[in-house]
Amino acid sequence: MATATISSMLLSSDDPKRLARWYAAVFEAEIQTDPDAPGYEIMELDGFHIMFDQRDDVSGRNVGGARQILNVEVDDPVATAARIDASGAEWISPLEDKGGGSYFGTLTDPDGNWLQIVRISDELEAQMSAPTSAYSSFAVCDLDAAATFYRDVLGMRVLRLEMGVLGVRINRTTTVLVYPKPDHRPAGFTVLNIPVPDLEQAVDDLVARGVEFLRYDHFEHDERGIARGGDDGPDLAWFADPSGNVLALQQK
């Protein structure tokens, strides 16, 4: 049976570059230009693409914005709302703390399109996070230490799931299960690869948080501990979690 996946959205505008840069500023994202479609501006939000273009049959403000609302889940709704305020955007329903860590707010972008920023509480998110497709898992010797590391050091969302396991949310479509194993022994391989847009900056950020990067004899590492792949593969930098599981940062 075929599976359909919603992967992108197109926003047409009299000034697509201006609109794209507004979204990029609000969500701290990067804008890309498709070399095969130079009229498009493209922004990626956690695997979902918003494309901006100009069309002859679309002009002026969107006067029917309520008919379709773009929902964007954000890690820090208060900071996102501050950037929205700084942009001068109009709130339809200002950001509201619904309690328990859930937030909702609705506004219009510069073209009148309706946009809703959302943050679901960890408790509700955990209830909604039952796997529906293949997923990976690995063991740790101390679940609390792992939760602290993946949340506070790596900045990932960590959910307490049923049966005493953690759901480490890598992005909106990928959650890795982490389970306790008292006699855990680290694997002799990398258990999780994390692509990042700026490897050097990511390494520096983790070093500042106390992470030590690993060096392997069969790789040449630079002063940061990065192994340059060159023509043979991506640049990589390895480190371990508190249980000794090896993780890798990978240049996108």
Protein backbone atom coordinates (compact mmCIF):
# COMPACT_ATOMS: atom_id res chain seq x y z
CA MET A 1 0.00 0.00 0.00
CA ALA A 2 1.41 3.38 -1.01
CA THR A 3 2.05 5.98 1.67
CA ALA A 4 1.54 9.69 1.09
CA THR A 5 3.79 12.17 2.87
CA ILE A 6 3.23 15.91 3.17
CA SER A 7 6.68 17.38 2.60
CA SER A 8 6.33 21.00 1.58
CA MET A 9 4.17 24.10 1.22
CA LEU A 10 4.22 26.85 -1.41
CA LEU A 11 3.60 30.50 -0.49
CA SER A 12 3.24 32.88 -3.45
CA SER A 13 3.93 36.56 -2.92
CA ASP A 14 4.48 39.85 -4.73
CA ASP A 15 7.86 39.87 -3.00
CA PRO A 16 8.91 36.28 -2.24
CA LYS A 17 12.42 37.26 -1.14
CA ARG A 18 11.05 39.63 1.51
CA LEU A 19 8.56 37.04 2.74
CA ALA A 20 11.18 34.30 2.85
CA ARG A 21 13.53 36.46 4.88
CA TRP A 22 10.78 37.29 7.33
CA TYR A 23 10.17 33.59 7.97
CA ALA A 24 13.90 32.92 8.21
CA ALA A 25 14.31 35.66 10.85
CA VAL A 26 11.34 34.48 12.92
CA PHE A 27 12.38 30.82 12.92
CA GLU A 28 16.15 31.36 12.76
CA ALA A 29 16.38 29.31 9.58
CA GLU A 30 18.43 29.54 6.41
CA ILE A 31 17.12 30.36 2.95
CA GLN A 32 18.25 28.36 -0.07
CA THR A 33 17.82 29.07 -3.75
CA ASP A 34 17.08 26.11 -6.00
CA PRO A 35 19.56 26.27 -8.94
CA ASP A 36 17.02 24.44 -11.10
CA ALA A 37 14.27 26.92 -10.19
CA PRO A 38 15.91 30.32 -9.60
CA GLY A 39 12.57 32.01 -8.91
CA TYR A 40 12.07 29.97 -5.76
CA GLU A 41 13.27 30.71 -2.25
CA ILE A 42 13.29 27.61 -0.03
CA MET A 43 13.39 27.32 3.77
CA GLU A 44 13.65 24.03 5.62
CA LEU A 45 12.11 23.55 9.05
CA ASP A 46 13.06 20.16 10.44
CA GLY A 47 12.59 18.32 7.15
CA PHE A 48 9.51 20.29 6.04
CA HIS A 49 10.10 22.74 3.19
CA ILE A 50 8.38 26.08 2.68
CA MET A 51 8.85 27.45 -0.83
CA PHE A 52 8.30 31.07 -1.79
CA ASP A 53 7.63 32.22 -5.34
CA GLN A 54 5.92 34.89 -7.45
CA ARG A 55 2.96 34.12 -9.71
CA ASP A 56 0.97 36.22 -12.14
CA ASP A 57 -2.35 35.07 -10.63
CA VAL A 58 -1.43 35.91 -7.03
CA SER A 59 -1.02 39.47 -5.78
CA GLY A 60 -1.74 41.58 -2.71
CA ARG A 61 -2.52 40.36 0.79
CA ASN A 62 -4.22 37.09 1.58
CA VAL A 63 -7.69 38.16 2.75
CA GLY A 64 -8.84 34.60 3.49
CA GLY A 65 -6.02 33.55 5.76
CA ALA A 66 -8.28 31.69 8.18
CA ARG A 67 -9.03 29.07 5.53
CA GLN A 68 -5.55 27.61 5.87
CA ILE A 69 -3.19 27.94 8.82
CA LEU A 70 0.44 26.88 8.83
CA ASN A 71 1.26 25.28 12.19
CA VAL A 72 4.89 25.44 13.29
CA GLU A 73 6.04 23.63 16.42
CA VAL A 74 8.87 25.52 18.12
CA ASP A 75 11.22 24.61 20.95
CA ASP A 76 11.10 28.05 22.58
CA PRO A 77 7.73 29.74 21.95
CA VAL A 78 8.52 32.76 24.13
CA ALA A 79 11.72 33.56 22.21
CA THR A 80 9.91 32.97 18.90
CA ALA A 81 7.12 35.33 19.97
CA ALA A 82 9.72 37.98 20.82
CA ARG A 83 11.15 37.74 17.30
CA ILE A 84 7.64 37.99 15.90
CA ASP A 85 7.02 41.12 17.97
CA ALA A 86 10.29 42.60 16.74
CA SER A 87 9.19 41.98 13.13
CA GLY A 88 6.06 44.06 13.64
CA ALA A 89 3.71 41.20 12.74
CA GLU A 90 0.06 41.33 13.76
CA TRP A 91 -1.17 38.84 16.34
CA ILE A 92 -4.64 37.39 15.83
CA SER A 93 -4.43 35.54 19.12
CA PRO A 94 -1.26 36.38 21.13
CA LEU A 95 0.90 33.60 22.47
CA GLU A 96 -0.84 31.98 25.41
CA ASP A 97 0.52 29.64 28.04
CA LYS A 98 -2.05 26.83 28.18
CA GLY A 99 -0.36 25.29 31.21
CA GLY A 100 1.90 22.30 31.64
CA GLY A 101 4.31 23.56 28.99
CA SER A 102 1.83 23.92 26.12
CA TYR A 103 1.70 27.21 24.17
CA PHE A 104 -0.37 28.45 21.23
CA GLY A 105 -0.38 31.72 19.33
CA THR A 106 -1.81 32.81 15.97
CA LEU A 107 -0.63 35.68 13.78
CA THR A 108 -0.42 36.88 10.20
CA ASP A 109 2.78 37.00 8.18
CA PRO A 110 3.58 40.15 6.12
CA ASP A 111 1.33 38.87 3.30
CA GLY A 112 -1.66 38.13 5.51
CA ASN A 113 -1.18 34.34 5.62
CA TRP A 114 -2.19 32.89 8.97
CA LEU A 115 0.50 31.21 11.02
CA GLN A 116 0.23 29.41 14.34
CA ILE A 117 3.18 28.68 16.60
CA VAL A 118 2.75 25.70 18.86
CA ARG A 119 4.51 24.01 21.74
CA ILE A 120 2.99 20.79 23.08
CA SER A 121 3.73 19.81 26.68
CA ASP A 122 6.13 16.93 27.24
CA GLU A 123 3.35 14.93 28.90
CA LEU A 124 0.98 15.28 25.94
CA GLU A 125 3.79 14.81 23.43
CA ALA A 126 4.77 11.55 25.14
CA GLN A 127 1.19 10.30 24.78
CA MET A 128 1.31 11.13 21.06
CA SER A 129 4.74 9.64 20.41
CA ALA A 130 3.94 5.96 20.03
CA PRO A 131 6.08 4.74 17.08
CA THR A 132 4.22 4.16 13.83
CA SER A 133 7.22 3.23 11.71
CA ALA A 134 10.64 1.65 12.15
CA TYR A 135 12.79 3.21 14.87
CA SER A 136 16.15 2.73 16.55
CA SER A 137 17.03 2.21 20.21
CA PHE A 138 20.08 1.79 22.41
CA ALA A 139 20.81 1.16 26.07
CA VAL A 140 22.33 3.29 28.82
CA CYS A 141 23.43 2.45 32.34
CA ASP A 142 21.84 5.54 33.95
CA LEU A 143 18.56 6.82 32.51
CA ASP A 144 18.55 10.09 34.48
CA ALA A 145 22.11 10.94 33.44
CA ALA A 146 21.18 10.20 29.83
CA ALA A 147 18.10 12.43 30.05
CA THR A 148 20.18 15.30 31.39
CA PHE A 149 22.86 14.88 28.74
CA TYR A 150 20.59 14.61 25.71
CA ARG A 151 18.34 17.43 26.93
CA ASP A 152 20.71 19.94 28.54
CA VAL A 153 23.94 19.30 26.62
CA LEU A 154 22.74 18.24 23.17
CA GLY A 155 19.58 20.35 23.30
CA MET A 156 17.27 17.55 22.23
CA ARG A 157 13.75 17.07 23.50
CA VAL A 158 13.58 14.15 25.93
CA LEU A 159 10.25 12.51 26.68
CA ARG A 160 9.48 10.08 29.48
CA LEU A 161 7.61 7.27 27.77
CA GLU A 162 5.81 4.18 29.01
CA MET A 163 7.72 1.20 30.42
CA GLY A 164 10.43 3.45 31.89
CA VAL A 165 12.17 4.45 28.67
CA LEU A 166 13.15 7.77 27.14
CA GLY A 167 12.15 9.10 23.77
CA VAL A 168 14.99 11.26 22.51
CA ARG A 169 13.38 13.36 19.83
CA ILE A 170 15.90 14.07 17.09
CA ASN A 171 13.37 15.92 14.93
CA ARG A 172 9.64 15.90 14.25
CA THR A 173 9.82 12.55 12.44
CA THR A 174 12.61 10.75 14.33
CA THR A 175 12.52 9.65 17.95
CA VAL A 176 15.14 7.25 19.31
CA LEU A 177 14.25 5.06 22.29
CA VAL A 178 16.78 4.94 25.13
CA TYR A 179 16.32 2.25 27.75
CA PRO A 180 18.12 1.37 31.01
CA LYS A 181 20.36 -1.68 31.21
CA PRO A 182 22.29 -2.03 34.49
CA ASP A 183 24.98 -4.26 32.93
CA HIS A 184 25.23 -2.05 29.85
CA ARG A 185 28.45 -2.15 27.88
CA PRO A 186 28.99 0.48 25.17
CA ALA A 187 28.92 -0.74 21.60
CA GLY A 188 32.12 -0.67 19.58
CA PHE A 189 30.50 1.47 16.92
CA THR A 190 28.62 4.75 16.51
CA VAL A 191 25.02 4.44 17.71
CA LEU A 192 23.75 7.83 16.51
CA ASN A 193 24.87 10.20 13.74
CA ILE A 194 23.71 13.81 13.98
CA PRO A 195 23.94 15.98 10.83
CA VAL A 196 24.61 19.65 11.59
CA PRO A 197 24.79 22.68 9.27
CA ASP A 198 28.07 24.00 10.77
CA LEU A 199 30.26 21.23 12.18
CA GLU A 200 33.00 23.48 13.56
CA GLN A 201 30.49 25.66 15.42
CA ALA A 202 28.66 22.60 16.76
CA VAL A 203 31.94 21.14 18.05
CA ASP A 204 32.88 24.44 19.71
CA ASP A 205 29.45 24.69 21.35
CA LEU A 206 29.70 21.19 22.82
CA VAL A 207 33.27 21.72 24.01
CA ALA A 208 32.04 24.80 25.86
CA ARG A 209 29.50 22.53 27.58
CA GLY A 210 32.20 20.12 28.71
CA VAL A 211 32.07 17.52 25.93
CA GLU A 212 35.38 15.87 25.01
CA PHE A 213 35.79 14.69 21.44
CA LEU A 214 37.29 11.34 20.59
CA ARG A 215 40.23 10.65 18.30
CA TYR A 216 40.86 7.42 16.45
CA ASP A 217 44.26 6.25 15.25
CA HIS A 218 43.02 5.40 11.75
CA PHE A 219 41.70 8.93 11.14
CA GLU A 220 43.51 12.23 10.83
CA HIS A 221 41.91 14.79 13.12
CA ASP A 222 42.29 18.55 13.10
CA GLU A 223 42.76 20.67 16.23
CA ARG A 224 39.03 20.39 17.03
CA GLY A 225 39.02 16.61 16.67
CA ILE A 226 37.21 16.73 13.32
CA ALA A 227 38.10 14.02 10.79
CA ARG A 228 37.91 15.52 7.33
CA GLY A 229 36.30 13.20 4.82
CA GLY A 230 37.41 15.01 1.68
CA ASP A 231 36.44 13.03 -1.41
CA ASP A 232 35.84 9.89 0.65
CA GLY A 233 32.91 11.05 2.77
CA PRO A 234 31.56 13.70 5.15
CA ASP A 235 33.48 15.48 7.89
CA LEU A 236 32.85 13.83 11.28
CA ALA A 237 33.54 14.39 14.96
CA TRP A 238 32.90 11.70 17.59
CA PHE A 239 32.08 11.94 21.28
CA ALA A 240 30.42 9.77 23.94
CA ASP A 241 27.37 10.09 26.15
CA PRO A 242 27.62 9.42 29.94
CA SER A 243 27.17 5.68 29.31
CA GLY A 244 30.03 5.56 26.80
CA ASN A 245 27.81 5.25 23.72
CA VAL A 246 29.60 6.85 20.77
CA LEU A 247 27.79 9.59 18.86
CA ALA A 248 28.98 11.52 15.83
CA LEU A 249 28.38 15.02 14.51
CA GLN A 250 28.33 15.02 10.73
CA GLN A 251 28.61 18.00 8.41
CA LYS A 252 25.46 18.29 6.31
